Amino acid sequence: MLVAWGQIQAPVVELGGLYNDAWAYRMDYWWNPALFQVGDRSIPFLPQFMWLITPVLFYFLALRMVKGPTRD
């Protein structure tokens, strides 16, 4: 659910910020290319990628915290 929410809301937030000139990403870095274009604005890859990865990391970290530390 977190991954789906992140992948849906991230482009909406990005477009809101870009069209209001609140921020602008530099697209000339190889590690943050444009994912797709909406009009004359580009949606960058890196924020979408982070919203894909961080919920998964959060989930596994939360599971580990609930189980407690392992003892070897």
N, C-alpha and C. Protein backbone atom coordinates (compact mmCIF):
# COMPACT_ATOMS: atom_id res chain seq x y z
N MET A 1 0.82 -1.19 0.00
CA MET A 1 0.00 0.00 0.00
C MET A 1 0.87 1.27 0.00
N LEU A 2 1.95 1.25 0.80
CA LEU A 2 2.83 2.42 0.82
C LEU A 2 3.51 2.67 -0.52
N VAL A 3 3.90 1.60 -1.20
CA VAL A 3 4.55 1.75 -2.51
C VAL A 3 3.56 2.34 -3.51
N ALA A 4 2.35 1.82 -3.53
CA ALA A 4 1.33 2.34 -4.46
C ALA A 4 1.04 3.81 -4.17
N TRP A 5 0.88 4.15 -2.90
CA TRP A 5 0.62 5.54 -2.54
C TRP A 5 1.77 6.44 -2.98
N GLY A 6 2.98 6.02 -2.73
CA GLY A 6 4.15 6.83 -3.11
C GLY A 6 4.25 7.03 -4.60
N GLN A 7 3.98 5.99 -5.36
CA GLN A 7 4.09 6.09 -6.82
C GLN A 7 2.97 6.93 -7.42
N ILE A 8 1.85 7.03 -6.73
CA ILE A 8 0.75 7.85 -7.23
C ILE A 8 0.91 9.31 -6.82
N GLN A 9 1.24 9.55 -5.55
CA GLN A 9 1.27 10.93 -5.08
C GLN A 9 2.54 11.67 -5.44
N ALA A 10 3.65 11.00 -5.63
CA ALA A 10 4.91 11.69 -5.92
C ALA A 10 4.84 12.51 -7.21
N PRO A 11 4.34 11.97 -8.34
CA PRO A 11 4.25 12.81 -9.53
C PRO A 11 3.30 14.00 -9.35
N VAL A 12 2.24 13.80 -8.59
CA VAL A 12 1.29 14.89 -8.35
C VAL A 12 1.97 16.02 -7.58
N VAL A 13 2.73 15.67 -6.55
CA VAL A 13 3.46 16.67 -5.77
C VAL A 13 4.52 17.34 -6.63
N GLU A 14 5.23 16.55 -7.42
CA GLU A 14 6.28 17.11 -8.29
C GLU A 14 5.69 18.11 -9.28
N LEU A 15 4.58 17.73 -9.90
CA LEU A 15 3.96 18.64 -10.87
C LEU A 15 3.46 19.91 -10.20
N GLY A 16 2.89 19.76 -9.00
CA GLY A 16 2.45 20.95 -8.27
C GLY A 16 3.59 21.89 -7.98
N GLY A 17 4.71 21.36 -7.55
CA GLY A 17 5.87 22.19 -7.26
C GLY A 17 6.50 22.80 -8.50
N LEU A 18 6.54 22.02 -9.57
CA LEU A 18 7.15 22.52 -10.81
C LEU A 18 6.30 23.59 -11.48
N TYR A 19 4.99 23.39 -11.51
CA TYR A 19 4.12 24.36 -12.17
C TYR A 19 3.94 25.63 -11.36
N ASN A 20 4.14 25.57 -10.06
CA ASN A 20 4.08 26.77 -9.22
C ASN A 20 5.44 27.42 -9.07
N ASP A 21 6.44 26.89 -9.74
CA ASP A 21 7.82 27.37 -9.64
C ASP A 21 8.33 27.37 -8.21
N ALA A 22 7.88 26.39 -7.42
CA ALA A 22 8.36 26.24 -6.05
C ALA A 22 9.77 25.66 -6.03
N TRP A 23 10.06 24.78 -6.97
CA TRP A 23 11.39 24.21 -7.10
C TRP A 23 11.57 23.71 -8.52
N ALA A 24 12.80 23.46 -8.86
CA ALA A 24 13.12 22.90 -10.18
C ALA A 24 14.33 22.00 -10.02
N TYR A 25 14.23 20.82 -10.54
CA TYR A 25 15.35 19.88 -10.49
C TYR A 25 16.26 20.12 -11.68
N ARG A 26 17.51 19.86 -11.45
CA ARG A 26 18.46 19.89 -12.56
C ARG A 26 18.44 18.52 -13.22
N MET A 27 18.13 18.48 -14.48
CA MET A 27 17.99 17.22 -15.20
C MET A 27 19.26 16.84 -15.95
N ASP A 28 20.32 17.60 -15.77
CA ASP A 28 21.54 17.31 -16.51
C ASP A 28 22.48 16.35 -15.79
N TYR A 29 22.06 15.82 -14.64
CA TYR A 29 22.86 14.81 -13.95
C TYR A 29 22.48 13.43 -14.48
N TRP A 30 23.46 12.56 -14.64
CA TRP A 30 23.18 11.23 -15.18
C TRP A 30 22.32 10.40 -14.22
N TRP A 31 22.40 10.67 -12.92
CA TRP A 31 21.69 9.88 -11.93
C TRP A 31 20.28 10.39 -11.65
N ASN A 32 19.88 11.47 -12.29
CA ASN A 32 18.53 11.98 -12.13
C ASN A 32 17.95 12.44 -13.47
N PRO A 33 17.81 11.50 -14.40
CA PRO A 33 17.27 11.90 -15.70
C PRO A 33 15.77 12.16 -15.62
N ALA A 34 15.24 12.72 -16.67
CA ALA A 34 13.79 12.93 -16.74
C ALA A 34 13.12 11.59 -16.95
N LEU A 35 12.12 11.30 -16.13
CA LEU A 35 11.38 10.06 -16.24
C LEU A 35 10.33 10.18 -17.35
N PHE A 36 9.61 11.30 -17.35
CA PHE A 36 8.67 11.59 -18.43
C PHE A 36 8.37 13.09 -18.43
N GLN A 37 7.75 13.55 -19.48
CA GLN A 37 7.42 14.96 -19.66
C GLN A 37 5.92 15.16 -19.51
N VAL A 38 5.54 16.26 -18.90
CA VAL A 38 4.16 16.70 -18.87
C VAL A 38 4.18 18.15 -19.35
N GLY A 39 3.75 18.35 -20.56
CA GLY A 39 3.87 19.67 -21.17
C GLY A 39 5.34 20.00 -21.36
N ASP A 40 5.75 21.13 -20.83
CA ASP A 40 7.16 21.51 -20.92
C ASP A 40 7.94 21.19 -19.65
N ARG A 41 7.32 20.51 -18.71
CA ARG A 41 7.95 20.16 -17.43
C ARG A 41 8.37 18.69 -17.42
N SER A 42 9.47 18.41 -16.76
CA SER A 42 9.98 17.04 -16.65
C SER A 42 9.80 16.52 -15.24
N ILE A 43 9.37 15.28 -15.14
CA ILE A 43 9.30 14.60 -13.86
C ILE A 43 10.60 13.82 -13.70
N PRO A 44 11.37 14.09 -12.64
CA PRO A 44 12.67 13.44 -12.49
C PRO A 44 12.54 12.01 -11.97
N PHE A 45 13.56 11.23 -12.25
CA PHE A 45 13.61 9.82 -11.88
C PHE A 45 13.83 9.61 -10.39
N LEU A 46 14.75 10.34 -9.79
CA LEU A 46 15.19 10.06 -8.42
C LEU A 46 14.08 10.12 -7.37
N PRO A 47 13.21 11.14 -7.34
CA PRO A 47 12.14 11.10 -6.33
C PRO A 47 11.21 9.90 -6.49
N GLN A 48 10.89 9.53 -7.72
CA GLN A 48 10.05 8.36 -7.94
C GLN A 48 10.75 7.09 -7.45
N PHE A 49 12.04 6.99 -7.72
CA PHE A 49 12.81 5.83 -7.29
C PHE A 49 12.84 5.74 -5.77
N MET A 50 13.01 6.89 -5.11
CA MET A 50 13.04 6.90 -3.64
C MET A 50 11.70 6.46 -3.07
N TRP A 51 10.59 6.87 -3.69
CA TRP A 51 9.28 6.46 -3.22
C TRP A 51 9.01 4.99 -3.50
N LEU A 52 9.78 4.39 -4.36
CA LEU A 52 9.66 2.96 -4.61
C LEU A 52 10.46 2.16 -3.59
N ILE A 53 11.65 2.63 -3.23
CA ILE A 53 12.56 1.89 -2.37
C ILE A 53 12.30 2.12 -0.88
N THR A 54 12.09 3.36 -0.46
CA THR A 54 12.01 3.63 0.97
C THR A 54 10.85 2.96 1.70
N PRO A 55 9.66 2.80 1.12
CA PRO A 55 8.63 2.05 1.86
C PRO A 55 9.02 0.60 2.12
N VAL A 56 9.74 0.00 1.18
CA VAL A 56 10.19 -1.38 1.37
C VAL A 56 11.21 -1.43 2.51
N LEU A 57 12.15 -0.51 2.52
CA LEU A 57 13.13 -0.45 3.61
C LEU A 57 12.45 -0.19 4.95
N PHE A 58 11.50 0.73 4.96
CA PHE A 58 10.75 1.03 6.18
C PHE A 58 10.02 -0.21 6.70
N TYR A 59 9.41 -0.95 5.80
CA TYR A 59 8.67 -2.15 6.18
C TYR A 59 9.58 -3.17 6.87
N PHE A 60 10.72 -3.44 6.25
CA PHE A 60 11.63 -4.43 6.83
C PHE A 60 12.25 -3.93 8.14
N LEU A 61 12.53 -2.64 8.22
CA LEU A 61 13.04 -2.08 9.47
C LEU A 61 11.98 -2.18 10.57
N ALA A 62 10.73 -1.89 10.25
CA ALA A 62 9.66 -1.99 11.24
C ALA A 62 9.48 -3.43 11.70
N LEU A 63 9.57 -4.39 10.78
CA LEU A 63 9.47 -5.80 11.17
C LEU A 63 10.60 -6.18 12.12
N ARG A 64 11.78 -5.70 11.83
CA ARG A 64 12.93 -6.02 12.69
C ARG A 64 12.76 -5.41 14.07
N MET A 65 12.23 -4.20 14.13
CA MET A 65 12.04 -3.55 15.43
C MET A 65 10.95 -4.25 16.24
N VAL A 66 9.93 -4.75 15.61
CA VAL A 66 8.86 -5.45 16.32
C VAL A 66 9.38 -6.78 16.87
N LYS A 67 10.18 -7.47 16.08
CA LYS A 67 10.72 -8.76 16.52
C LYS A 67 11.79 -8.58 17.58
N GLY A 68 12.44 -7.46 17.60
CA GLY A 68 13.53 -7.22 18.53
C GLY A 68 14.85 -7.71 17.96
N PRO A 69 15.93 -7.40 18.63
CA PRO A 69 17.24 -7.82 18.13
C PRO A 69 17.40 -9.34 18.20
N THR A 70 18.12 -9.86 17.24
CA THR A 70 18.39 -11.29 17.25
C THR A 70 19.61 -11.57 18.11
N ARG A 71 19.59 -12.70 18.78
CA ARG A 71 20.73 -13.08 19.63
C ARG A 71 21.36 -14.32 19.02
N ASP A 72 22.63 -14.22 18.77
CA ASP A 72 23.38 -15.36 18.20
C ASP A 72 24.16 -16.09 19.27
